[in-house]
Amino acid sequence: MANILAVDDEEAILVMIQKILSKDGHSVKTISNPADIDNIKLENFDLILLDVMMPGMDGFTLCNRIRNYVDCPVLFLTAKTDEDSLVYGLGNGADDYICKPFGKMELLARVNAHLRREHREHFVRLSFGDTEFNLSAKQLIINNEVVRLTKGEYEICEFLARNKGQVFSKEQIYEKVFGFDRESNDSTIAMHIKNIRAKLEQSGYSPIKTVWGIGYKWIER
């Protein structure tokens, strides 16, 4: 059982989420006014669902605001599927997104996949050259400087680096990283990769290469 927070200004959506996830054994707290999030202890939650389009404070702003205080997966609930919005949202600390309207099975699969990911065992360090992964702290370090990655971005980098030289499709990366073994969301991986490249290029490093028509691979520096 996991403690889940759902924030959405539509009461009907919150009722549906609570009904679906509660039947799956999870404890769900719902908030319809994003301003009320200041009154709860965010560290008590194992996963947070955030609506993007809310009055007063949108999900992007809220995610960026709470990300310094929570380390759990954050999933957006959104009807905004244009590339710029998704790149922006994932770059502000979200791990994934679920497009509205969504069905019961998709919600359960996405939520449980991200919860399983949080319980995977990690070793201590992975290093090659002047690049190092601190697997316990979930940090990528290049030239002794920590690269500021979101959780999802870090997980993708770690997976590809552990399997450097191998080519993986978007579907394979999504399944291996997020554990979602149903129909994968190609856009999530593409958006994360775009954000990762922008951040790593600031360190003069471009390890993720596109293999056209197939997917991506991590190459040595």
N, C-alpha and C. Protein backbone atom coordinates (compact mmCIF):
# COMPACT_ATOMS: atom_id res chain seq x y z
N MET A 1 0.85 -1.20 0.00
CA MET A 1 0.00 0.00 0.00
C MET A 1 0.88 1.24 0.00
N ALA A 2 0.49 2.25 -0.74
CA ALA A 2 1.25 3.49 -0.82
C ALA A 2 0.35 4.66 -0.41
N ASN A 3 0.97 5.72 0.08
CA ASN A 3 0.27 6.96 0.38
C ASN A 3 0.40 7.88 -0.83
N ILE A 4 -0.73 8.23 -1.41
CA ILE A 4 -0.74 9.00 -2.66
C ILE A 4 -1.51 10.30 -2.47
N LEU A 5 -0.96 11.38 -3.02
CA LEU A 5 -1.62 12.68 -3.00
C LEU A 5 -2.07 13.01 -4.42
N ALA A 6 -3.33 13.41 -4.57
CA ALA A 6 -3.86 13.82 -5.87
C ALA A 6 -4.36 15.26 -5.76
N VAL A 7 -3.87 16.13 -6.66
CA VAL A 7 -4.25 17.54 -6.65
C VAL A 7 -4.90 17.87 -7.99
N ASP A 8 -6.16 18.26 -7.95
CA ASP A 8 -6.90 18.57 -9.16
C ASP A 8 -8.08 19.45 -8.77
N ASP A 9 -8.37 20.47 -9.58
CA ASP A 9 -9.47 21.36 -9.24
C ASP A 9 -10.84 20.78 -9.60
N GLU A 10 -10.86 19.64 -10.30
CA GLU A 10 -12.12 18.99 -10.65
C GLU A 10 -12.45 17.90 -9.64
N GLU A 11 -13.49 18.12 -8.86
CA GLU A 11 -13.87 17.16 -7.82
C GLU A 11 -14.18 15.78 -8.39
N ALA A 12 -14.81 15.75 -9.58
CA ALA A 12 -15.17 14.47 -10.18
C ALA A 12 -13.92 13.64 -10.49
N ILE A 13 -12.84 14.31 -10.94
CA ILE A 13 -11.59 13.61 -11.22
C ILE A 13 -11.00 13.05 -9.94
N LEU A 14 -11.03 13.85 -8.87
CA LEU A 14 -10.49 13.40 -7.59
C LEU A 14 -11.26 12.21 -7.04
N VAL A 15 -12.58 12.25 -7.16
CA VAL A 15 -13.40 11.14 -6.69
C VAL A 15 -13.06 9.87 -7.46
N MET A 16 -12.88 9.99 -8.78
CA MET A 16 -12.54 8.84 -9.60
C MET A 16 -11.17 8.28 -9.22
N ILE A 17 -10.18 9.16 -9.07
CA ILE A 17 -8.83 8.72 -8.70
C ILE A 17 -8.85 8.01 -7.36
N GLN A 18 -9.53 8.60 -6.39
CA GLN A 18 -9.58 7.99 -5.06
C GLN A 18 -10.26 6.63 -5.09
N LYS A 19 -11.31 6.51 -5.85
CA LYS A 19 -12.04 5.25 -5.95
C LYS A 19 -11.16 4.17 -6.58
N ILE A 20 -10.49 4.51 -7.67
CA ILE A 20 -9.67 3.53 -8.39
C ILE A 20 -8.47 3.09 -7.55
N LEU A 21 -7.75 4.05 -6.99
CA LEU A 21 -6.53 3.71 -6.27
C LEU A 21 -6.81 3.10 -4.90
N SER A 22 -7.89 3.51 -4.27
CA SER A 22 -8.25 2.92 -2.97
C SER A 22 -8.61 1.45 -3.12
N LYS A 23 -9.31 1.11 -4.19
CA LYS A 23 -9.66 -0.29 -4.44
C LYS A 23 -8.42 -1.14 -4.68
N ASP A 24 -7.33 -0.49 -5.12
CA ASP A 24 -6.08 -1.20 -5.35
C ASP A 24 -5.23 -1.27 -4.08
N GLY A 25 -5.77 -0.78 -2.98
CA GLY A 25 -5.09 -0.89 -1.70
C GLY A 25 -4.30 0.33 -1.26
N HIS A 26 -4.36 1.40 -2.03
CA HIS A 26 -3.59 2.60 -1.69
C HIS A 26 -4.41 3.56 -0.83
N SER A 27 -3.70 4.36 -0.05
CA SER A 27 -4.34 5.42 0.73
C SER A 27 -4.21 6.71 -0.06
N VAL A 28 -5.32 7.36 -0.35
CA VAL A 28 -5.32 8.52 -1.24
C VAL A 28 -5.87 9.75 -0.53
N LYS A 29 -5.08 10.83 -0.56
CA LYS A 29 -5.54 12.12 -0.06
C LYS A 29 -5.75 13.02 -1.26
N THR A 30 -6.87 13.73 -1.30
CA THR A 30 -7.17 14.59 -2.44
C THR A 30 -7.22 16.06 -2.01
N ILE A 31 -6.78 16.93 -2.93
CA ILE A 31 -6.81 18.37 -2.70
C ILE A 31 -7.34 19.04 -3.97
N SER A 32 -8.35 19.89 -3.82
CA SER A 32 -8.93 20.58 -4.98
C SER A 32 -8.38 21.99 -5.13
N ASN A 33 -7.80 22.52 -4.06
CA ASN A 33 -7.21 23.86 -4.10
C ASN A 33 -5.71 23.73 -3.88
N PRO A 34 -4.89 24.00 -4.90
CA PRO A 34 -3.44 23.81 -4.76
C PRO A 34 -2.82 24.60 -3.62
N ALA A 35 -3.44 25.70 -3.20
CA ALA A 35 -2.91 26.50 -2.09
C ALA A 35 -2.94 25.71 -0.79
N ASP A 36 -3.83 24.72 -0.69
CA ASP A 36 -3.95 23.93 0.54
C ASP A 36 -2.78 22.97 0.75
N ILE A 37 -1.92 22.84 -0.25
CA ILE A 37 -0.81 21.91 -0.13
C ILE A 37 0.17 22.35 0.96
N ASP A 38 0.13 23.63 1.32
CA ASP A 38 1.01 24.14 2.37
C ASP A 38 0.64 23.58 3.74
N ASN A 39 -0.56 23.02 3.86
CA ASN A 39 -1.04 22.56 5.16
C ASN A 39 -0.80 21.07 5.41
N ILE A 40 -0.11 20.40 4.50
CA ILE A 40 0.11 18.97 4.67
C ILE A 40 1.60 18.65 4.62
N LYS A 41 1.97 17.50 5.16
CA LYS A 41 3.37 17.07 5.17
C LYS A 41 3.63 16.23 3.92
N LEU A 42 4.27 16.84 2.95
CA LEU A 42 4.49 16.19 1.66
C LEU A 42 5.39 14.97 1.77
N GLU A 43 6.28 14.97 2.78
CA GLU A 43 7.21 13.84 2.91
C GLU A 43 6.51 12.54 3.26
N ASN A 44 5.24 12.60 3.62
CA ASN A 44 4.48 11.39 3.97
C ASN A 44 3.97 10.64 2.75
N PHE A 45 4.11 11.22 1.55
CA PHE A 45 3.53 10.61 0.36
C PHE A 45 4.56 9.86 -0.47
N ASP A 46 4.12 8.76 -1.05
CA ASP A 46 4.98 7.92 -1.88
C ASP A 46 4.88 8.29 -3.35
N LEU A 47 3.83 9.02 -3.73
CA LEU A 47 3.62 9.45 -5.11
C LEU A 47 2.62 10.59 -5.12
N ILE A 48 2.83 11.55 -6.05
CA ILE A 48 1.94 12.70 -6.14
C ILE A 48 1.42 12.84 -7.57
N LEU A 49 0.12 13.02 -7.70
CA LEU A 49 -0.53 13.28 -8.99
C LEU A 49 -0.93 14.75 -9.03
N LEU A 50 -0.49 15.46 -10.07
CA LEU A 50 -0.79 16.88 -10.17
C LEU A 50 -1.50 17.20 -11.48
N ASP A 51 -2.63 17.87 -11.38
CA ASP A 51 -3.28 18.39 -12.57
C ASP A 51 -2.46 19.57 -13.08
N VAL A 52 -2.39 19.76 -14.37
CA VAL A 52 -1.61 20.87 -14.93
C VAL A 52 -2.41 22.17 -14.93
N MET A 53 -3.61 22.12 -15.45
CA MET A 53 -4.40 23.35 -15.62
C MET A 53 -5.33 23.56 -14.43
N MET A 54 -4.85 24.37 -13.46
CA MET A 54 -5.64 24.69 -12.27
C MET A 54 -5.64 26.20 -12.08
N PRO A 55 -6.73 26.76 -11.58
CA PRO A 55 -6.78 28.21 -11.35
C PRO A 55 -5.88 28.60 -10.17
N GLY A 56 -5.31 29.78 -10.24
CA GLY A 56 -4.48 30.26 -9.14
C GLY A 56 -3.04 29.82 -9.25
N MET A 57 -2.81 28.51 -9.31
CA MET A 57 -1.46 27.97 -9.42
C MET A 57 -1.51 26.72 -10.29
N ASP A 58 -0.83 26.76 -11.44
CA ASP A 58 -0.88 25.59 -12.31
C ASP A 58 0.06 24.49 -11.80
N GLY A 59 -0.10 23.30 -12.38
CA GLY A 59 0.68 22.15 -11.92
C GLY A 59 2.17 22.32 -12.13
N PHE A 60 2.58 23.01 -13.20
CA PHE A 60 4.00 23.22 -13.45
C PHE A 60 4.63 24.02 -12.30
N THR A 61 3.96 25.11 -11.93
CA THR A 61 4.45 25.96 -10.84
C THR A 61 4.48 25.20 -9.53
N LEU A 62 3.42 24.44 -9.28
CA LEU A 62 3.32 23.69 -8.03
C LEU A 62 4.40 22.61 -7.96
N CYS A 63 4.64 21.93 -9.06
CA CYS A 63 5.67 20.89 -9.09
C CYS A 63 7.04 21.48 -8.80
N ASN A 64 7.34 22.58 -9.46
CA ASN A 64 8.63 23.24 -9.24
C ASN A 64 8.78 23.70 -7.79
N ARG A 65 7.67 24.09 -7.21
CA ARG A 65 7.67 24.61 -5.84
C ARG A 65 7.93 23.51 -4.82
N ILE A 66 7.36 22.32 -5.04
CA ILE A 66 7.47 21.26 -4.03
C ILE A 66 8.64 20.32 -4.28
N ARG A 67 9.27 20.39 -5.46
CA ARG A 67 10.28 19.41 -5.81
C ARG A 67 11.49 19.43 -4.88
N ASN A 68 11.77 20.57 -4.29
CA ASN A 68 12.90 20.64 -3.35
C ASN A 68 12.60 19.98 -2.02
N TYR A 69 11.33 19.62 -1.81
CA TYR A 69 10.93 19.05 -0.52
C TYR A 69 10.52 17.59 -0.61
N VAL A 70 10.28 17.10 -1.81
CA VAL A 70 9.84 15.71 -1.96
C VAL A 70 10.72 14.98 -2.95
N ASP A 71 10.93 13.70 -2.69
CA ASP A 71 11.76 12.88 -3.58
C ASP A 71 10.95 11.78 -4.26
N CYS A 72 9.64 11.79 -4.03
CA CYS A 72 8.79 10.73 -4.58
C CYS A 72 8.45 11.03 -6.04
N PRO A 73 7.95 10.04 -6.78
CA PRO A 73 7.52 10.29 -8.16
C PRO A 73 6.39 11.31 -8.23
N VAL A 74 6.46 12.19 -9.23
CA VAL A 74 5.40 13.17 -9.48
C VAL A 74 4.91 12.95 -10.91
N LEU A 75 3.60 12.71 -11.05
CA LEU A 75 3.00 12.47 -12.35
C LEU A 75 1.99 13.57 -12.65
N PHE A 76 2.09 14.16 -13.84
CA PHE A 76 1.13 15.17 -14.25
C PHE A 76 -0.11 14.52 -14.84
N LEU A 77 -1.26 15.12 -14.56
CA LEU A 77 -2.51 14.79 -15.22
C LEU A 77 -2.80 15.96 -16.14
N THR A 78 -2.78 15.73 -17.44
CA THR A 78 -2.84 16.87 -18.33
C THR A 78 -3.59 16.62 -19.62
N ALA A 79 -4.25 17.68 -20.09
CA ALA A 79 -4.87 17.67 -21.41
C ALA A 79 -3.98 18.42 -22.39
N LYS A 80 -2.88 19.01 -21.88
CA LYS A 80 -1.94 19.76 -22.71
C LYS A 80 -0.86 18.79 -23.21
N THR A 81 -0.95 18.41 -24.46
CA THR A 81 -0.03 17.41 -25.00
C THR A 81 0.93 17.98 -26.04
N ASP A 82 0.99 19.30 -26.17
CA ASP A 82 1.95 19.86 -27.11
C ASP A 82 3.36 19.69 -26.55
N GLU A 83 4.33 19.56 -27.44
CA GLU A 83 5.69 19.22 -27.05
C GLU A 83 6.29 20.23 -26.08
N ASP A 84 6.12 21.51 -26.32
CA ASP A 84 6.71 22.52 -25.45
C ASP A 84 6.22 22.41 -24.02
N SER A 85 4.92 22.16 -23.86
CA SER A 85 4.36 22.03 -22.52
C SER A 85 4.91 20.81 -21.80
N LEU A 86 5.03 19.69 -22.53
CA LEU A 86 5.51 18.46 -21.92
C LEU A 86 6.98 18.56 -21.55
N VAL A 87 7.78 19.14 -22.43
CA VAL A 87 9.20 19.33 -22.14
C VAL A 87 9.35 20.22 -20.91
N TYR A 88 8.58 21.29 -20.86
CA TYR A 88 8.65 22.22 -19.74
C TYR A 88 8.25 21.53 -18.43
N GLY A 89 7.18 20.76 -18.48
CA GLY A 89 6.70 20.09 -17.29
C GLY A 89 7.68 19.06 -16.76
N LEU A 90 8.20 18.22 -17.63
CA LEU A 90 9.15 17.21 -17.21
C LEU A 90 10.45 17.85 -16.74
N GLY A 91 10.80 18.97 -17.34
CA GLY A 91 12.01 19.67 -16.92
C GLY A 91 11.88 20.33 -15.57
N ASN A 92 10.66 20.50 -15.09
CA ASN A 92 10.43 21.10 -13.78
C ASN A 92 10.28 20.06 -12.67
N GLY A 93 10.66 18.83 -12.96
CA GLY A 93 10.71 17.85 -11.88
C GLY A 93 9.72 16.72 -11.94
N ALA A 94 8.81 16.73 -12.92
CA ALA A 94 7.87 15.61 -13.02
C ALA A 94 8.57 14.40 -13.62
N ASP A 95 8.10 13.22 -13.26
CA ASP A 95 8.67 11.99 -13.78
C ASP A 95 7.94 11.52 -15.03
N ASP A 96 6.66 11.81 -15.11
CA ASP A 96 5.85 11.27 -16.19
C ASP A 96 4.56 12.07 -16.26
N TYR A 97 3.74 11.77 -17.25
CA TYR A 97 2.45 12.42 -17.35
C TYR A 97 1.41 11.43 -17.86
N ILE A 98 0.17 11.66 -17.47
CA ILE A 98 -0.96 10.86 -17.93
C ILE A 98 -1.93 11.81 -18.62
N CYS A 99 -2.25 11.50 -19.86
CA CYS A 99 -3.13 12.39 -20.64
C CYS A 99 -4.59 12.20 -20.25
N LYS A 100 -5.27 13.30 -20.07
CA LYS A 100 -6.72 13.27 -19.86
C LYS A 100 -7.43 13.22 -21.20
N PRO A 101 -8.53 12.47 -21.29
CA PRO A 101 -9.07 11.59 -20.26
C PRO A 101 -8.29 10.27 -20.20
N PHE A 102 -8.23 9.67 -19.04
CA PHE A 102 -7.50 8.42 -18.87
C PHE A 102 -8.43 7.36 -18.28
N GLY A 103 -8.07 6.11 -18.50
CA GLY A 103 -8.89 5.01 -18.00
C GLY A 103 -8.32 4.42 -16.73
N LYS A 104 -9.11 3.56 -16.13
CA LYS A 104 -8.73 2.92 -14.88
C LYS A 104 -7.43 2.15 -15.00
N MET A 105 -7.30 1.34 -16.05
CA MET A 105 -6.12 0.48 -16.18
C MET A 105 -4.86 1.30 -16.42
N GLU A 106 -4.97 2.38 -17.18
CA GLU A 106 -3.79 3.21 -17.42
C GLU A 106 -3.33 3.88 -16.13
N LEU A 107 -4.27 4.42 -15.36
CA LEU A 107 -3.91 5.07 -14.10
C LEU A 107 -3.24 4.07 -13.16
N LEU A 108 -3.82 2.91 -13.01
CA LEU A 108 -3.24 1.90 -12.11
C LEU A 108 -1.86 1.47 -12.58
N ALA A 109 -1.73 1.22 -13.88
CA ALA A 109 -0.46 0.75 -14.41
C ALA A 109 0.64 1.78 -14.22
N ARG A 110 0.35 3.02 -14.52
CA ARG A 110 1.35 4.08 -14.40
C ARG A 110 1.76 4.28 -12.94
N VAL A 111 0.77 4.38 -12.07
CA VAL A 111 1.05 4.61 -10.65
C VAL A 111 1.87 3.46 -10.06
N ASN A 112 1.44 2.24 -10.30
CA ASN A 112 2.13 1.09 -9.71
C ASN A 112 3.52 0.88 -10.31
N ALA A 113 3.69 1.24 -11.58
CA ALA A 113 5.01 1.12 -12.20
C ALA A 113 6.00 2.06 -11.52
N HIS A 114 5.58 3.28 -11.26
CA HIS A 114 6.48 4.24 -10.62
C HIS A 114 6.72 3.88 -9.15
N LEU A 115 5.75 3.31 -8.49
CA LEU A 115 5.96 2.87 -7.11
C LEU A 115 6.95 1.70 -7.05
N ARG A 116 6.86 0.79 -8.01
CA ARG A 116 7.82 -0.33 -8.05
C ARG A 116 9.23 0.19 -8.27
N ARG A 117 9.37 1.19 -9.10
CA ARG A 117 10.69 1.75 -9.39
C ARG A 117 11.36 2.25 -8.13
N GLU A 118 10.59 2.81 -7.21
CA GLU A 118 11.16 3.38 -5.99
C GLU A 118 11.73 2.33 -5.06
N HIS A 119 11.37 1.06 -5.26
CA HIS A 119 11.82 0.00 -4.36
C HIS A 119 12.94 -0.84 -4.94
N ARG A 120 13.49 -0.43 -6.08
CA ARG A 120 14.59 -1.19 -6.66
C ARG A 120 15.86 -0.96 -5.86
N GLU A 121 16.68 -1.99 -5.77
CA GLU A 121 17.94 -1.87 -5.07
C GLU A 121 18.98 -1.20 -5.97
N HIS A 122 19.86 -0.44 -5.34
CA HIS A 122 20.93 0.23 -6.07
C HIS A 122 22.28 -0.13 -5.45
N PHE A 123 23.31 -0.18 -6.29
CA PHE A 123 24.66 -0.32 -5.79
C PHE A 123 25.14 1.07 -5.38
N VAL A 124 26.43 1.24 -5.18
CA VAL A 124 26.91 2.51 -4.65
C VAL A 124 27.36 3.47 -5.74
N ARG A 125 28.28 3.04 -6.60
CA ARG A 125 28.81 3.95 -7.60
C ARG A 125 29.02 3.27 -8.94
N LEU A 126 28.95 4.06 -9.98
CA LEU A 126 29.26 3.61 -11.33
C LEU A 126 30.08 4.74 -11.96
N SER A 127 31.29 4.43 -12.41
CA SER A 127 32.12 5.50 -12.94
C SER A 127 32.91 5.02 -14.14
N PHE A 128 33.18 5.96 -15.04
CA PHE A 128 34.06 5.74 -16.17
C PHE A 128 34.58 7.09 -16.62
N GLY A 129 35.91 7.20 -16.66
CA GLY A 129 36.51 8.48 -17.00
C GLY A 129 36.19 9.53 -15.96
N ASP A 130 35.84 10.71 -16.43
CA ASP A 130 35.50 11.79 -15.49
C ASP A 130 34.00 11.89 -15.26
N THR A 131 33.29 10.82 -15.57
CA THR A 131 31.85 10.75 -15.34
C THR A 131 31.56 9.72 -14.26
N GLU A 132 30.74 10.08 -13.30
CA GLU A 132 30.44 9.18 -12.18
C GLU A 132 28.98 9.27 -11.79
N PHE A 133 28.39 8.11 -11.50
CA PHE A 133 27.04 8.05 -10.97
C PHE A 133 27.12 7.66 -9.49
N ASN A 134 26.61 8.51 -8.63
CA ASN A 134 26.44 8.16 -7.22
C ASN A 134 25.06 7.53 -7.11
N LEU A 135 25.02 6.21 -7.10
CA LEU A 135 23.75 5.51 -7.22
C LEU A 135 22.89 5.62 -5.97
N SER A 136 23.53 5.81 -4.83
CA SER A 136 22.76 5.96 -3.59
C SER A 136 22.09 7.33 -3.54
N ALA A 137 22.85 8.37 -3.91
CA ALA A 137 22.31 9.73 -3.88
C ALA A 137 21.56 10.08 -5.17
N LYS A 138 21.64 9.18 -6.17
CA LYS A 138 21.01 9.42 -7.47
C LYS A 138 21.51 10.72 -8.08
N GLN A 139 22.84 10.79 -8.21
CA GLN A 139 23.48 11.98 -8.78
C GLN A 139 24.41 11.58 -9.91
N LEU A 140 24.39 12.38 -10.97
CA LEU A 140 25.35 12.26 -12.06
C LEU A 140 26.38 13.36 -11.88
N ILE A 141 27.66 12.96 -11.82
CA ILE A 141 28.74 13.90 -11.56
C ILE A 141 29.70 13.90 -12.74
N ILE A 142 29.93 15.07 -13.32
CA ILE A 142 30.84 15.22 -14.45
C ILE A 142 31.90 16.24 -14.07
N ASN A 143 33.16 15.82 -14.18
CA ASN A 143 34.28 16.71 -13.81
C ASN A 143 34.10 17.26 -12.40
N ASN A 144 33.67 16.37 -11.49
CA ASN A 144 33.48 16.71 -10.07
C ASN A 144 32.34 17.69 -9.82
N GLU A 145 31.51 17.92 -10.81
CA GLU A 145 30.35 18.80 -10.64
C GLU A 145 29.07 18.00 -10.80
N VAL A 146 28.13 18.19 -9.87
CA VAL A 146 26.85 17.48 -9.94
C VAL A 146 25.96 18.13 -10.99
N VAL A 147 25.46 17.33 -11.92
CA VAL A 147 24.53 17.81 -12.93
C VAL A 147 23.11 17.79 -12.35
N ARG A 148 22.42 18.88 -12.41
CA ARG A 148 21.08 18.98 -11.82
C ARG A 148 20.05 18.32 -12.73
N LEU A 149 19.73 17.07 -12.42
CA LEU A 149 18.77 16.30 -13.19
C LEU A 149 17.53 16.03 -12.35
N THR A 150 16.38 15.92 -13.01
CA THR A 150 15.19 15.46 -12.31
C THR A 150 15.33 13.96 -12.07
N LYS A 151 14.45 13.40 -11.26
CA LYS A 151 14.52 11.96 -10.97
C LYS A 151 14.41 11.13 -12.23
N GLY A 152 13.44 11.48 -13.08
CA GLY A 152 13.26 10.72 -14.31
C GLY A 152 14.45 10.82 -15.23
N GLU A 153 15.02 12.02 -15.34
CA GLU A 153 16.19 12.22 -16.19
C GLU A 153 17.37 11.39 -15.68
N TYR A 154 17.56 11.42 -14.36
CA TYR A 154 18.67 10.65 -13.79
C TYR A 154 18.50 9.15 -14.07
N GLU A 155 17.30 8.64 -13.87
CA GLU A 155 17.06 7.21 -14.05
C GLU A 155 17.35 6.77 -15.48
N ILE A 156 16.97 7.61 -16.44
CA ILE A 156 17.26 7.28 -17.85
C ILE A 156 18.76 7.26 -18.10
N CYS A 157 19.46 8.26 -17.58
CA CYS A 157 20.92 8.30 -17.75
C CYS A 157 21.58 7.08 -17.12
N GLU A 158 21.15 6.74 -15.92
CA GLU A 158 21.76 5.58 -15.24
C GLU A 158 21.54 4.30 -16.03
N PHE A 159 20.31 4.11 -16.52
CA PHE A 159 20.01 2.90 -17.28
C PHE A 159 20.86 2.81 -18.54
N LEU A 160 20.92 3.89 -19.30
CA LEU A 160 21.69 3.86 -20.54
C LEU A 160 23.18 3.70 -20.25
N ALA A 161 23.68 4.35 -19.21
CA ALA A 161 25.10 4.25 -18.88
C ALA A 161 25.48 2.84 -18.42
N ARG A 162 24.59 2.22 -17.66
CA ARG A 162 24.84 0.83 -17.22
C ARG A 162 24.95 -0.10 -18.42
N ASN A 163 24.29 0.27 -19.51
CA ASN A 163 24.25 -0.57 -20.71
C ASN A 163 24.88 0.16 -21.89
N LYS A 164 25.97 0.89 -21.62
CA LYS A 164 26.58 1.74 -22.64
C LYS A 164 26.95 0.94 -23.89
N GLY A 165 26.68 1.58 -25.03
CA GLY A 165 26.94 0.96 -26.31
C GLY A 165 25.77 0.20 -26.88
N GLN A 166 24.79 -0.16 -26.02
CA GLN A 166 23.61 -0.89 -26.49
C GLN A 166 22.53 0.11 -26.91
N VAL A 167 21.81 -0.25 -27.94
CA VAL A 167 20.75 0.62 -28.45
C VAL A 167 19.40 0.17 -27.90
N PHE A 168 18.63 1.13 -27.39
CA PHE A 168 17.31 0.82 -26.84
C PHE A 168 16.26 1.73 -27.48
N SER A 169 15.12 1.16 -27.80
CA SER A 169 14.02 1.94 -28.33
C SER A 169 13.38 2.75 -27.20
N LYS A 170 12.54 3.72 -27.55
CA LYS A 170 11.83 4.48 -26.53
C LYS A 170 10.98 3.55 -25.67
N GLU A 171 10.35 2.57 -26.30
CA GLU A 171 9.51 1.64 -25.56
C GLU A 171 10.32 0.83 -24.55
N GLN A 172 11.50 0.38 -24.96
CA GLN A 172 12.35 -0.40 -24.06
C GLN A 172 12.84 0.45 -22.89
N ILE A 173 13.22 1.68 -23.18
CA ILE A 173 13.70 2.55 -22.11
C ILE A 173 12.58 2.81 -21.11
N TYR A 174 11.39 3.10 -21.62
CA TYR A 174 10.26 3.37 -20.73
C TYR A 174 9.97 2.17 -19.84
N GLU A 175 9.97 0.98 -20.45
CA GLU A 175 9.66 -0.22 -19.68
C GLU A 175 10.74 -0.51 -18.65
N LYS A 176 12.01 -0.39 -19.04
CA LYS A 176 13.10 -0.71 -18.12
C LYS A 176 13.25 0.31 -17.01
N VAL A 177 13.04 1.59 -17.34
CA VAL A 177 13.24 2.65 -16.36
C VAL A 177 12.03 2.82 -15.45
N PHE A 178 10.85 2.89 -16.05
CA PHE A 178 9.65 3.17 -15.28
C PHE A 178 8.83 1.93 -14.95
N GLY A 179 9.16 0.80 -15.58
CA GLY A 179 8.50 -0.46 -15.23
C GLY A 179 7.11 -0.61 -15.77
N PHE A 180 6.77 0.20 -16.75
CA PHE A 180 5.42 0.14 -17.32
C PHE A 180 5.43 -0.80 -18.50
N ASP A 181 4.84 -1.99 -18.34
CA ASP A 181 4.97 -3.02 -19.37
C ASP A 181 3.76 -3.11 -20.30
N ARG A 182 2.88 -2.12 -20.23
CA ARG A 182 1.79 -2.08 -21.20
C ARG A 182 2.22 -1.17 -22.34
N GLU A 183 1.28 -0.63 -23.09
CA GLU A 183 1.63 0.27 -24.20
C GLU A 183 2.38 1.48 -23.65
N SER A 184 3.62 1.67 -24.07
CA SER A 184 4.47 2.71 -23.50
C SER A 184 4.15 4.08 -24.07
N ASN A 185 4.69 5.08 -23.39
CA ASN A 185 4.49 6.45 -23.80
C ASN A 185 5.79 6.98 -24.40
N ASP A 186 5.91 6.94 -25.72
CA ASP A 186 7.13 7.37 -26.39
C ASP A 186 7.47 8.82 -26.09
N SER A 187 6.45 9.66 -25.98
CA SER A 187 6.70 11.08 -25.81
C SER A 187 7.43 11.38 -24.51
N THR A 188 7.13 10.66 -23.44
CA THR A 188 7.80 10.89 -22.16
C THR A 188 9.30 10.74 -22.32
N ILE A 189 9.74 9.66 -22.96
CA ILE A 189 11.17 9.42 -23.13
C ILE A 189 11.79 10.48 -24.04
N ALA A 190 11.13 10.81 -25.13
CA ALA A 190 11.66 11.82 -26.05
C ALA A 190 11.84 13.16 -25.35
N MET A 191 10.87 13.54 -24.53
CA MET A 191 10.96 14.81 -23.81
C MET A 191 12.08 14.78 -22.78
N HIS A 192 12.19 13.69 -22.05
CA HIS A 192 13.26 13.56 -21.06
C HIS A 192 14.63 13.63 -21.74
N ILE A 193 14.79 12.93 -22.84
CA ILE A 193 16.06 12.92 -23.56
C ILE A 193 16.42 14.33 -24.02
N LYS A 194 15.45 15.07 -24.50
CA LYS A 194 15.68 16.44 -24.95
C LYS A 194 16.20 17.30 -23.80
N ASN A 195 15.57 17.17 -22.62
CA ASN A 195 16.00 17.93 -21.46
C ASN A 195 17.37 17.49 -20.97
N ILE A 196 17.63 16.18 -20.98
CA ILE A 196 18.92 15.65 -20.53
C ILE A 196 20.04 16.21 -21.41
N ARG A 197 19.85 16.16 -22.71
CA ARG A 197 20.89 16.63 -23.63
C ARG A 197 21.22 18.10 -23.38
N ALA A 198 20.20 18.91 -23.17
CA ALA A 198 20.43 20.33 -22.94
C ALA A 198 21.28 20.55 -21.68
N LYS A 199 21.02 19.76 -20.65
CA LYS A 199 21.76 19.92 -19.39
C LYS A 199 23.19 19.38 -19.51
N LEU A 200 23.35 18.23 -20.15
CA LEU A 200 24.69 17.64 -20.25
C LEU A 200 25.58 18.45 -21.19
N GLU A 201 24.99 19.05 -22.20
CA GLU A 201 25.79 19.85 -23.14
C GLU A 201 26.40 21.06 -22.45
N GLN A 202 25.79 21.51 -21.35
CA GLN A 202 26.37 22.61 -20.59
C GLN A 202 27.68 22.18 -19.94
N SER A 203 27.86 20.87 -19.74
CA SER A 203 29.11 20.34 -19.19
C SER A 203 30.04 19.86 -20.31
N GLY A 204 29.67 20.18 -21.55
CA GLY A 204 30.48 19.77 -22.69
C GLY A 204 30.43 18.28 -22.96
N TYR A 205 29.31 17.65 -22.63
CA TYR A 205 29.20 16.19 -22.72
C TYR A 205 27.94 15.83 -23.48
N SER A 206 28.07 14.98 -24.48
CA SER A 206 26.90 14.54 -25.26
C SER A 206 26.94 13.03 -25.41
N PRO A 207 26.66 12.28 -24.32
CA PRO A 207 26.80 10.83 -24.35
C PRO A 207 25.63 10.07 -24.97
N ILE A 208 24.46 10.71 -25.07
CA ILE A 208 23.29 10.01 -25.59
C ILE A 208 23.16 10.28 -27.08
N LYS A 209 23.32 9.24 -27.86
CA LYS A 209 23.27 9.36 -29.31
C LYS A 209 21.98 8.73 -29.85
N THR A 210 21.43 9.35 -30.86
CA THR A 210 20.24 8.82 -31.52
C THR A 210 20.66 7.86 -32.62
N VAL A 211 20.10 6.68 -32.61
CA VAL A 211 20.28 5.73 -33.70
C VAL A 211 18.98 5.76 -34.48
N TRP A 212 18.99 6.45 -35.60
CA TRP A 212 17.76 6.76 -36.32
C TRP A 212 16.97 5.51 -36.69
N GLY A 213 15.69 5.58 -36.39
CA GLY A 213 14.79 4.47 -36.68
C GLY A 213 14.79 3.38 -35.63
N ILE A 214 15.68 3.51 -34.64
CA ILE A 214 15.76 2.47 -33.60
C ILE A 214 15.56 3.07 -32.21
N GLY A 215 16.47 3.95 -31.79
CA GLY A 215 16.35 4.51 -30.46
C GLY A 215 17.59 5.28 -30.03
N TYR A 216 18.06 5.01 -28.81
CA TYR A 216 19.16 5.77 -28.24
C TYR A 216 20.20 4.83 -27.63
N LYS A 217 21.43 5.35 -27.52
CA LYS A 217 22.47 4.62 -26.81
C LYS A 217 23.39 5.61 -26.11
N TRP A 218 24.07 5.11 -25.07
CA TRP A 218 25.04 5.91 -24.31
C TRP A 218 26.43 5.51 -24.79
N ILE A 219 27.24 6.48 -25.15
CA ILE A 219 28.58 6.19 -25.61
C ILE A 219 29.59 6.75 -24.63
N GLU A 220 30.80 6.18 -24.60
CA GLU A 220 31.85 6.66 -23.72
C GLU A 220 32.37 8.00 -24.21
N ARG A 221 32.86 8.78 -23.28
CA ARG A 221 33.35 10.12 -23.61
C ARG A 221 34.59 10.03 -24.49
